[in-house]
Amino acid sequence: MKILTIIAVVLLLTACNHKTLHVEEKRIVVMPPEGLWNCPNLPSPPDGEYTQAEVADYVLRMYESHQICQASIVAVRAWLEEAKLITKEVED
């Protein structure tokens, strides 16, 4: 009889020890890595009178700056599209 009483008391005590699961939803802004924000400043044009070689060099430096900036923008777009897909998967 004592065993039944002990079992009943144990069952009652374990039934009272229920825990509530608390889920906290948190939204964050995802920012691309700093390396993807690479867009160099435009080079300064040559001063005074300049030769065609100096103009050609200036145009080449501008083109190279544009290529770096364009590649960075494409990388940022791809990174954000991937983050968007991950967010959709988590929400579904």
PDB file of N, CA and C in Angstrom:
ATOM      1  N   MET A   1       0.805  -1.177   0.000  1.00  0.00           N
ATOM      2  CA  MET A   1       0.000   0.000   0.000  1.00  0.00           C
ATOM      3  C   MET A   1       0.864   1.264   0.000  1.00  0.00           C
ATOM      4  N   LYS A   2       1.966   1.174   0.731  1.00  0.00           N
ATOM      5  CA  LYS A   2       2.865   2.318   0.779  1.00  0.00           C
ATOM      6  C   LYS A   2       3.429   2.615  -0.619  1.00  0.00           C
ATOM      7  N   ILE A   3       3.692   1.577  -1.371  1.00  0.00           N
ATOM      8  CA  ILE A   3       4.266   1.750  -2.702  1.00  0.00           C
ATOM      9  C   ILE A   3       3.271   2.473  -3.610  1.00  0.00           C
ATOM     10  N   LEU A   4       2.000   2.097  -3.528  1.00  0.00           N
ATOM     11  CA  LEU A   4       0.987   2.766  -4.336  1.00  0.00           C
ATOM     12  C   LEU A   4       0.848   4.232  -3.949  1.00  0.00           C
ATOM     13  N   THR A   5       0.935   4.527  -2.680  1.00  0.00           N
ATOM     14  CA  THR A   5       0.844   5.907  -2.218  1.00  0.00           C
ATOM     15  C   THR A   5       2.035   6.716  -2.716  1.00  0.00           C
ATOM     16  N   ILE A   6       3.220   6.140  -2.649  1.00  0.00           N
ATOM     17  CA  ILE A   6       4.432   6.823  -3.115  1.00  0.00           C
ATOM     18  C   ILE A   6       4.346   7.065  -4.623  1.00  0.00           C
ATOM     19  N   ILE A   7       3.894   6.075  -5.377  1.00  0.00           N
ATOM     20  CA  ILE A   7       3.761   6.226  -6.826  1.00  0.00           C
ATOM     21  C   ILE A   7       2.741   7.319  -7.145  1.00  0.00           C
ATOM     22  N   ALA A   8       1.638   7.361  -6.438  1.00  0.00           N
ATOM     23  CA  ALA A   8       0.610   8.375  -6.668  1.00  0.00           C
ATOM     24  C   ALA A   8       1.146   9.774  -6.367  1.00  0.00           C
ATOM     25  N   VAL A   9       1.899   9.903  -5.277  1.00  0.00           N
ATOM     26  CA  VAL A   9       2.475  11.206  -4.911  1.00  0.00           C
ATOM     27  C   VAL A   9       3.493  11.648  -5.972  1.00  0.00           C
ATOM     28  N   VAL A  10       4.315  10.724  -6.434  1.00  0.00           N
ATOM     29  CA  VAL A  10       5.309  11.052  -7.463  1.00  0.00           C
ATOM     30  C   VAL A  10       4.614  11.487  -8.753  1.00  0.00           C
ATOM     31  N   LEU A  11       3.592  10.790  -9.143  1.00  0.00           N
ATOM     32  CA  LEU A  11       2.851  11.158 -10.350  1.00  0.00           C
ATOM     33  C   LEU A  11       2.194  12.527 -10.213  1.00  0.00           C
ATOM     34  N   LEU A  12       1.654  12.827  -9.058  1.00  0.00           N
ATOM     35  CA  LEU A  12       1.038  14.137  -8.840  1.00  0.00           C
ATOM     36  C   LEU A  12       2.083  15.256  -8.898  1.00  0.00           C
ATOM     37  N   LEU A  13       3.227  14.999  -8.297  1.00  0.00           N
ATOM     38  CA  LEU A  13       4.277  16.021  -8.298  1.00  0.00           C
ATOM     39  C   LEU A  13       4.843  16.256  -9.702  1.00  0.00           C
ATOM     40  N   THR A  14       4.992  15.210 -10.488  1.00  0.00           N
ATOM     41  CA  THR A  14       5.518  15.397 -11.843  1.00  0.00           C
ATOM     42  C   THR A  14       4.494  16.057 -12.753  1.00  0.00           C
ATOM     43  N   ALA A  15       3.226  15.846 -12.495  1.00  0.00           N
ATOM     44  CA  ALA A  15       2.187  16.469 -13.302  1.00  0.00           C
ATOM     45  C   ALA A  15       2.145  17.978 -13.059  1.00  0.00           C
ATOM     46  N   CYS A  16       2.516  18.434 -11.893  1.00  0.00           N
ATOM     47  CA  CYS A  16       2.505  19.857 -11.582  1.00  0.00           C
ATOM     48  C   CYS A  16       3.724  20.584 -12.137  1.00  0.00           C
ATOM     49  N   ASN A  17       4.725  19.864 -12.546  1.00  0.00           N
ATOM     50  CA  ASN A  17       5.979  20.474 -13.009  1.00  0.00           C
ATOM     51  C   ASN A  17       6.002  20.593 -14.538  1.00  0.00           C
ATOM     52  N   HIS A  18       5.032  21.225 -15.105  1.00  0.00           N
ATOM     53  CA  HIS A  18       5.016  21.402 -16.557  1.00  0.00           C
ATOM     54  C   HIS A  18       5.651  22.750 -16.904  1.00  0.00           C
ATOM     55  N   LYS A  19       6.328  22.797 -18.028  1.00  0.00           N
ATOM     56  CA  LYS A  19       7.021  24.009 -18.465  1.00  0.00           C
ATOM     57  C   LYS A  19       6.360  24.524 -19.737  1.00  0.00           C
ATOM     58  N   THR A  20       6.297  25.830 -19.846  1.00  0.00           N
ATOM     59  CA  THR A  20       5.725  26.451 -21.025  1.00  0.00           C
ATOM     60  C   THR A  20       6.863  26.887 -21.939  1.00  0.00           C
ATOM     61  N   LEU A  21       6.761  26.510 -23.181  1.00  0.00           N
ATOM     62  CA  LEU A  21       7.765  26.896 -24.171  1.00  0.00           C
ATOM     63  C   LEU A  21       7.429  28.291 -24.684  1.00  0.00           C
ATOM     64  N   HIS A  22       8.383  29.194 -24.555  1.00  0.00           N
ATOM     65  CA  HIS A  22       8.191  30.573 -25.009  1.00  0.00           C
ATOM     66  C   HIS A  22       9.054  30.797 -26.241  1.00  0.00           C
ATOM     67  N   VAL A  23       8.413  31.124 -27.362  1.00  0.00           N
ATOM     68  CA  VAL A  23       9.126  31.363 -28.613  1.00  0.00           C
ATOM     69  C   VAL A  23       9.138  32.863 -28.872  1.00  0.00           C
ATOM     70  N   GLU A  24      10.334  33.383 -29.082  1.00  0.00           N
ATOM     71  CA  GLU A  24      10.468  34.807 -29.367  1.00  0.00           C
ATOM     72  C   GLU A  24      10.867  34.987 -30.824  1.00  0.00           C
ATOM     73  N   GLU A  25      10.060  35.746 -31.549  1.00  0.00           N
ATOM     74  CA  GLU A  25      10.354  35.992 -32.955  1.00  0.00           C
ATOM     75  C   GLU A  25      11.171  37.270 -33.050  1.00  0.00           C
ATOM     76  N   LYS A  26      12.262  37.182 -33.764  1.00  0.00           N
ATOM     77  CA  LYS A  26      13.154  38.325 -33.874  1.00  0.00           C
ATOM     78  C   LYS A  26      13.508  38.537 -35.340  1.00  0.00           C
ATOM     79  N   ARG A  27      13.338  39.739 -35.824  1.00  0.00           N
ATOM     80  CA  ARG A  27      13.688  40.069 -37.204  1.00  0.00           C
ATOM     81  C   ARG A  27      14.912  40.977 -37.171  1.00  0.00           C
ATOM     82  N   ILE A  28      15.839  40.655 -38.045  1.00  0.00           N
ATOM     83  CA  ILE A  28      17.055  41.459 -38.114  1.00  0.00           C
ATOM     84  C   ILE A  28      17.297  41.896 -39.552  1.00  0.00           C
ATOM     85  N   VAL A  29      18.035  42.968 -39.705  1.00  0.00           N
ATOM     86  CA  VAL A  29      18.413  43.445 -41.028  1.00  0.00           C
ATOM     87  C   VAL A  29      19.746  42.807 -41.385  1.00  0.00           C
ATOM     88  N   VAL A  30      19.785  42.173 -42.528  1.00  0.00           N
ATOM     89  CA  VAL A  30      21.000  41.495 -42.963  1.00  0.00           C
ATOM     90  C   VAL A  30      21.795  42.452 -43.846  1.00  0.00           C
ATOM     91  N   MET A  31      23.029  42.698 -43.446  1.00  0.00           N
ATOM     92  CA  MET A  31      23.889  43.605 -44.205  1.00  0.00           C
ATOM     93  C   MET A  31      24.996  42.801 -44.882  1.00  0.00           C
ATOM     94  N   PRO A  32      25.303  43.139 -46.123  1.00  0.00           N
ATOM     95  CA  PRO A  32      26.400  42.458 -46.815  1.00  0.00           C
ATOM     96  C   PRO A  32      27.736  42.756 -46.139  1.00  0.00           C
ATOM     97  N   PRO A  33      28.720  41.895 -46.342  1.00  0.00           N
ATOM     98  CA  PRO A  33      30.041  42.137 -45.777  1.00  0.00           C
ATOM     99  C   PRO A  33      30.649  43.435 -46.313  1.00  0.00           C
ATOM    100  N   GLU A  34      31.512  44.049 -45.525  1.00  0.00           N
ATOM    101  CA  GLU A  34      32.126  45.325 -45.897  1.00  0.00           C
ATOM    102  C   GLU A  34      32.870  45.249 -47.231  1.00  0.00           C
ATOM    103  N   GLY A  35      33.478  44.111 -47.530  1.00  0.00           N
ATOM    104  CA  GLY A  35      34.248  43.970 -48.758  1.00  0.00           C
ATOM    105  C   GLY A  35      33.418  44.160 -50.019  1.00  0.00           C
ATOM    106  N   LEU A  36      32.105  43.976 -49.905  1.00  0.00           N
ATOM    107  CA  LEU A  36      31.243  44.134 -51.078  1.00  0.00           C
ATOM    108  C   LEU A  36      30.862  45.591 -51.338  1.00  0.00           C
ATOM    109  N   TRP A  37      31.179  46.469 -50.419  1.00  0.00           N
ATOM    110  CA  TRP A  37      30.880  47.894 -50.598  1.00  0.00           C
ATOM    111  C   TRP A  37      32.073  48.613 -51.210  1.00  0.00           C
ATOM    112  N   ASN A  38      32.795  47.938 -52.065  1.00  0.00           N
ATOM    113  CA  ASN A  38      34.016  48.484 -52.642  1.00  0.00           C
ATOM    114  C   ASN A  38      33.695  49.236 -53.931  1.00  0.00           C
ATOM    115  N   CYS A  39      33.685  50.552 -53.849  1.00  0.00           N
ATOM    116  CA  CYS A  39      33.429  51.388 -55.014  1.00  0.00           C
ATOM    117  C   CYS A  39      34.400  52.569 -54.925  1.00  0.00           C
ATOM    118  N   PRO A  40      35.540  52.489 -55.620  1.00  0.00           N
ATOM    119  CA  PRO A  40      36.560  53.532 -55.460  1.00  0.00           C
ATOM    120  C   PRO A  40      36.102  54.890 -55.986  1.00  0.00           C
ATOM    121  N   ASN A  41      36.707  55.920 -55.441  1.00  0.00           N
ATOM    122  CA  ASN A  41      36.420  57.282 -55.906  1.00  0.00           C
ATOM    123  C   ASN A  41      36.956  57.455 -57.317  1.00  0.00           C
ATOM    124  N   LEU A  42      36.339  58.373 -58.047  1.00  0.00           N
ATOM    125  CA  LEU A  42      36.821  58.661 -59.400  1.00  0.00           C
ATOM    126  C   LEU A  42      38.194  59.320 -59.326  1.00  0.00           C
ATOM    127  N   PRO A  43      39.073  58.944 -60.229  1.00  0.00           N
ATOM    128  CA  PRO A  43      40.383  59.604 -60.236  1.00  0.00           C
ATOM    129  C   PRO A  43      40.245  61.058 -60.688  1.00  0.00           C
ATOM    130  N   SER A  44      41.162  61.905 -60.209  1.00  0.00           N
ATOM    131  CA  SER A  44      41.095  63.309 -60.645  1.00  0.00           C
ATOM    132  C   SER A  44      41.699  63.460 -62.036  1.00  0.00           C
ATOM    133  N   PRO A  45      41.088  64.325 -62.818  1.00  0.00           N
ATOM    134  CA  PRO A  45      41.610  64.524 -64.179  1.00  0.00           C
ATOM    135  C   PRO A  45      42.977  65.205 -64.129  1.00  0.00           C
ATOM    136  N   PRO A  46      43.738  65.079 -65.198  1.00  0.00           N
ATOM    137  CA  PRO A  46      45.055  65.726 -65.224  1.00  0.00           C
ATOM    138  C   PRO A  46      44.911  67.250 -65.176  1.00  0.00           C
ATOM    139  N   ASP A  47      45.900  67.905 -64.553  1.00  0.00           N
ATOM    140  CA  ASP A  47      45.876  69.374 -64.422  1.00  0.00           C
ATOM    141  C   ASP A  47      46.548  70.039 -65.621  1.00  0.00           C
ATOM    142  N   GLY A  48      46.079  71.239 -65.905  1.00  0.00           N
ATOM    143  CA  GLY A  48      46.727  72.049 -66.946  1.00  0.00           C
ATOM    144  C   GLY A  48      46.652  71.420 -68.320  1.00  0.00           C
ATOM    145  N   GLU A  49      47.677  71.684 -69.109  1.00  0.00           N
ATOM    146  CA  GLU A  49      47.738  71.089 -70.442  1.00  0.00           C
ATOM    147  C   GLU A  49      48.214  69.641 -70.296  1.00  0.00           C
ATOM    148  N   TYR A  50      47.593  68.782 -71.029  1.00  0.00           N
ATOM    149  CA  TYR A  50      47.925  67.362 -70.915  1.00  0.00           C
ATOM    150  C   TYR A  50      48.010  66.745 -72.293  1.00  0.00           C
ATOM    151  N   THR A  51      48.719  65.612 -72.311  1.00  0.00           N
ATOM    152  CA  THR A  51      48.925  64.920 -73.581  1.00  0.00           C
ATOM    153  C   THR A  51      47.812  63.890 -73.782  1.00  0.00           C
ATOM    154  N   GLN A  52      47.781  63.340 -74.976  1.00  0.00           N
ATOM    155  CA  GLN A  52      46.800  62.292 -75.266  1.00  0.00           C
ATOM    156  C   GLN A  52      47.069  61.062 -74.405  1.00  0.00           C
ATOM    157  N   ALA A  53      48.316  60.798 -74.091  1.00  0.00           N
ATOM    158  CA  ALA A  53      48.654  59.656 -73.240  1.00  0.00           C
ATOM    159  C   ALA A  53      48.090  59.862 -71.833  1.00  0.00           C
ATOM    160  N   GLU A  54      48.152  61.084 -71.314  1.00  0.00           N
ATOM    161  CA  GLU A  54      47.603  61.365 -69.994  1.00  0.00           C
ATOM    162  C   GLU A  54      46.082  61.232 -70.001  1.00  0.00           C
ATOM    163  N   VAL A  55      45.445  61.675 -71.073  1.00  0.00           N
ATOM    164  CA  VAL A  55      43.989  61.537 -71.197  1.00  0.00           C
ATOM    165  C   VAL A  55      43.620  60.058 -71.284  1.00  0.00           C
ATOM    166  N   ALA A  56      44.363  59.302 -72.078  1.00  0.00           N
ATOM    167  CA  ALA A  56      44.100  57.862 -72.204  1.00  0.00           C
ATOM    168  C   ALA A  56      44.275  57.161 -70.859  1.00  0.00           C
ATOM    169  N   ASP A  57      45.296  57.540 -70.098  1.00  0.00           N
ATOM    170  CA  ASP A  57      45.524  56.954 -68.775  1.00  0.00           C
ATOM    171  C   ASP A  57      44.370  57.302 -67.834  1.00  0.00           C
ATOM    172  N   TYR A  58      43.902  58.551 -67.909  1.00  0.00           N
ATOM    173  CA  TYR A  58      42.781  58.992 -67.079  1.00  0.00           C
ATOM    174  C   TYR A  58      41.512  58.197 -67.412  1.00  0.00           C
ATOM    175  N   VAL A  59      41.238  58.029 -68.699  1.00  0.00           N
ATOM    176  CA  VAL A  59      40.052  57.266 -69.127  1.00  0.00           C
ATOM    177  C   VAL A  59      40.177  55.813 -68.671  1.00  0.00           C
ATOM    178  N   LEU A  60      41.363  55.249 -68.751  1.00  0.00           N
ATOM    179  CA  LEU A  60      41.582  53.874 -68.310  1.00  0.00           C
ATOM    180  C   LEU A  60      41.353  53.739 -66.806  1.00  0.00           C
ATOM    181  N   ARG A  61      41.846  54.681 -66.014  1.00  0.00           N
ATOM    182  CA  ARG A  61      41.629  54.631 -64.563  1.00  0.00           C
ATOM    183  C   ARG A  61      40.143  54.768 -64.225  1.00  0.00           C
ATOM    184  N   MET A  62      39.432  55.619 -64.971  1.00  0.00           N
ATOM    185  CA  MET A  62      37.983  55.747 -64.754  1.00  0.00           C
ATOM    186  C   MET A  62      37.267  54.433 -65.094  1.00  0.00           C
ATOM    187  N   TYR A  63      37.667  53.803 -66.185  1.00  0.00           N
ATOM    188  CA  TYR A  63      37.071  52.535 -66.594  1.00  0.00           C
ATOM    189  C   TYR A  63      37.330  51.455 -65.540  1.00  0.00           C
ATOM    190  N   GLU A  64      38.554  51.390 -65.031  1.00  0.00           N
ATOM    191  CA  GLU A  64      38.881  50.396 -64.005  1.00  0.00           C
ATOM    192  C   GLU A  64      38.060  50.622 -62.733  1.00  0.00           C
ATOM    193  N   SER A  65      37.899  51.890 -62.341  1.00  0.00           N
ATOM    194  CA  SER A  65      37.070  52.207 -61.167  1.00  0.00           C
ATOM    195  C   SER A  65      35.634  51.765 -61.396  1.00  0.00           C
ATOM    196  N   HIS A  66      35.129  52.004 -62.589  1.00  0.00           N
ATOM    197  CA  HIS A  66      33.766  51.593 -62.928  1.00  0.00           C
ATOM    198  C   HIS A  66      33.612  50.073 -62.860  1.00  0.00           C
ATOM    199  N   GLN A  67      34.580  49.340 -63.372  1.00  0.00           N
ATOM    200  CA  GLN A  67      34.512  47.880 -63.362  1.00  0.00           C
ATOM    201  C   GLN A  67      34.483  47.347 -61.929  1.00  0.00           C
ATOM    202  N   ILE A  68      35.307  47.913 -61.058  1.00  0.00           N
ATOM    203  CA  ILE A  68      35.337  47.478 -59.657  1.00  0.00           C
ATOM    204  C   ILE A  68      33.991  47.759 -59.001  1.00  0.00           C
ATOM    205  N   CYS A  69      33.460  48.951 -59.235  1.00  0.00           N
ATOM    206  CA  CYS A  69      32.177  49.339 -58.642  1.00  0.00           C
ATOM    207  C   CYS A  69      31.041  48.456 -59.175  1.00  0.00           C
ATOM    208  N   GLN A  70      31.036  48.199 -60.454  1.00  0.00           N
ATOM    209  CA  GLN A  70      29.991  47.370 -61.055  1.00  0.00           C
ATOM    210  C   GLN A  70      30.046  45.943 -60.507  1.00  0.00           C
ATOM    211  N   ALA A  71      31.239  45.392 -60.367  1.00  0.00           N
ATOM    212  CA  ALA A  71      31.376  44.042 -59.814  1.00  0.00           C
ATOM    213  C   ALA A  71      30.881  44.001 -58.369  1.00  0.00           C
ATOM    214  N   SER A  72      31.152  45.049 -57.610  1.00  0.00           N
ATOM    215  CA  SER A  72      30.689  45.104 -56.223  1.00  0.00           C
ATOM    216  C   SER A  72      29.171  45.151 -56.150  1.00  0.00           C
ATOM    217  N   ILE A  73      28.560  45.936 -57.029  1.00  0.00           N
ATOM    218  CA  ILE A  73      27.101  46.046 -57.027  1.00  0.00           C
ATOM    219  C   ILE A  73      26.461  44.703 -57.397  1.00  0.00           C
ATOM    220  N   VAL A  74      27.023  44.015 -58.366  1.00  0.00           N
ATOM    221  CA  VAL A  74      26.509  42.696 -58.749  1.00  0.00           C
ATOM    222  C   VAL A  74      26.642  41.725 -57.568  1.00  0.00           C
ATOM    223  N   ALA A  75      27.761  41.777 -56.855  1.00  0.00           N
ATOM    224  CA  ALA A  75      27.976  40.892 -55.709  1.00  0.00           C
ATOM    225  C   ALA A  75      27.004  41.213 -54.581  1.00  0.00           C
ATOM    226  N   VAL A  76      26.743  42.495 -54.332  1.00  0.00           N
ATOM    227  CA  VAL A  76      25.783  42.882 -53.284  1.00  0.00           C
ATOM    228  C   VAL A  76      24.390  42.388 -53.649  1.00  0.00           C
ATOM    229  N   ARG A  77      23.997  42.556 -54.910  1.00  0.00           N
ATOM    230  CA  ARG A  77      22.677  42.084 -55.345  1.00  0.00           C
ATOM    231  C   ARG A  77      22.548  40.566 -55.151  1.00  0.00           C
ATOM    232  N   ALA A  78      23.560  39.807 -55.555  1.00  0.00           N
ATOM    233  CA  ALA A  78      23.519  38.347 -55.400  1.00  0.00           C
ATOM    234  C   ALA A  78      23.443  37.965 -53.921  1.00  0.00           C
ATOM    235  N   TRP A  79      24.192  38.662 -53.091  1.00  0.00           N
ATOM    236  CA  TRP A  79      24.203  38.372 -51.652  1.00  0.00           C
ATOM    237  C   TRP A  79      22.829  38.641 -51.055  1.00  0.00           C
ATOM    238  N   LEU A  80      22.201  39.754 -51.429  1.00  0.00           N
ATOM    239  CA  LEU A  80      20.880  40.097 -50.899  1.00  0.00           C
ATOM    240  C   LEU A  80      19.800  39.143 -51.411  1.00  0.00           C
ATOM    241  N   GLU A  81      19.914  38.703 -52.658  1.00  0.00           N
ATOM    242  CA  GLU A  81      18.954  37.727 -53.185  1.00  0.00           C
ATOM    243  C   GLU A  81      19.056  36.412 -52.406  1.00  0.00           C
ATOM    244  N   GLU A  82      20.264  35.994 -52.093  1.00  0.00           N
ATOM    245  CA  GLU A  82      20.450  34.771 -51.307  1.00  0.00           C
ATOM    246  C   GLU A  82      19.868  34.943 -49.906  1.00  0.00           C
ATOM    247  N   ALA A  83      20.086  36.106 -49.292  1.00  0.00           N
ATOM    248  CA  ALA A  83      19.530  36.378 -47.959  1.00  0.00           C
ATOM    249  C   ALA A  83      18.002  36.375 -48.012  1.00  0.00           C
ATOM    250  N   LYS A  84      17.433  36.883 -49.083  1.00  0.00           N
ATOM    251  CA  LYS A  84      15.981  36.901 -49.249  1.00  0.00           C
ATOM    252  C   LYS A  84      15.426  35.477 -49.322  1.00  0.00           C
ATOM    253  N   LEU A  85      16.108  34.599 -50.059  1.00  0.00           N
ATOM    254  CA  LEU A  85      15.668  33.196 -50.157  1.00  0.00           C
ATOM    255  C   LEU A  85      15.745  32.496 -48.802  1.00  0.00           C
ATOM    256  N   ILE A  86      16.817  32.763 -48.068  1.00  0.00           N
ATOM    257  CA  ILE A  86      16.968  32.146 -46.744  1.00  0.00           C
ATOM    258  C   ILE A  86      15.855  32.622 -45.822  1.00  0.00           C
ATOM    259  N   THR A  87      15.518  33.906 -45.881  1.00  0.00           N
ATOM    260  CA  THR A  87      14.462  34.451 -45.043  1.00  0.00           C
ATOM    261  C   THR A  87      13.116  33.829 -45.384  1.00  0.00           C
ATOM    262  N   LYS A  88      12.843  33.630 -46.668  1.00  0.00           N
ATOM    263  CA  LYS A  88      11.582  32.985 -47.078  1.00  0.00           C
ATOM    264  C   LYS A  88      11.511  31.554 -46.555  1.00  0.00           C
ATOM    265  N   GLU A  89      12.625  30.827 -46.609  1.00  0.00           N
ATOM    266  CA  GLU A  89      12.651  29.451 -46.126  1.00  0.00           C
ATOM    267  C   GLU A  89      12.374  29.408 -44.631  1.00  0.00           C
ATOM    268  N   VAL A  90      12.928  30.346 -43.893  1.00  0.00           N
ATOM    269  CA  VAL A  90      12.728  30.366 -42.439  1.00  0.00           C
ATOM    270  C   VAL A  90      11.290  30.716 -42.098  1.00  0.00           C
ATOM    271  N   GLU A  91      10.690  31.643 -42.831  1.00  0.00           N
ATOM    272  CA  GLU A  91       9.322  32.053 -42.546  1.00  0.00           C
ATOM    273  C   GLU A  91       8.305  30.983 -42.917  1.00  0.00           C
ATOM    274  N   ASP A  92       8.613  30.148 -43.896  1.00  0.00           N
ATOM    275  CA  ASP A  92       7.663  29.103 -44.315  1.00  0.00           C
ATOM    276  C   ASP A  92       7.743  27.919 -43.441  1.00  0.00           C
TER     277      ASP A  92
END
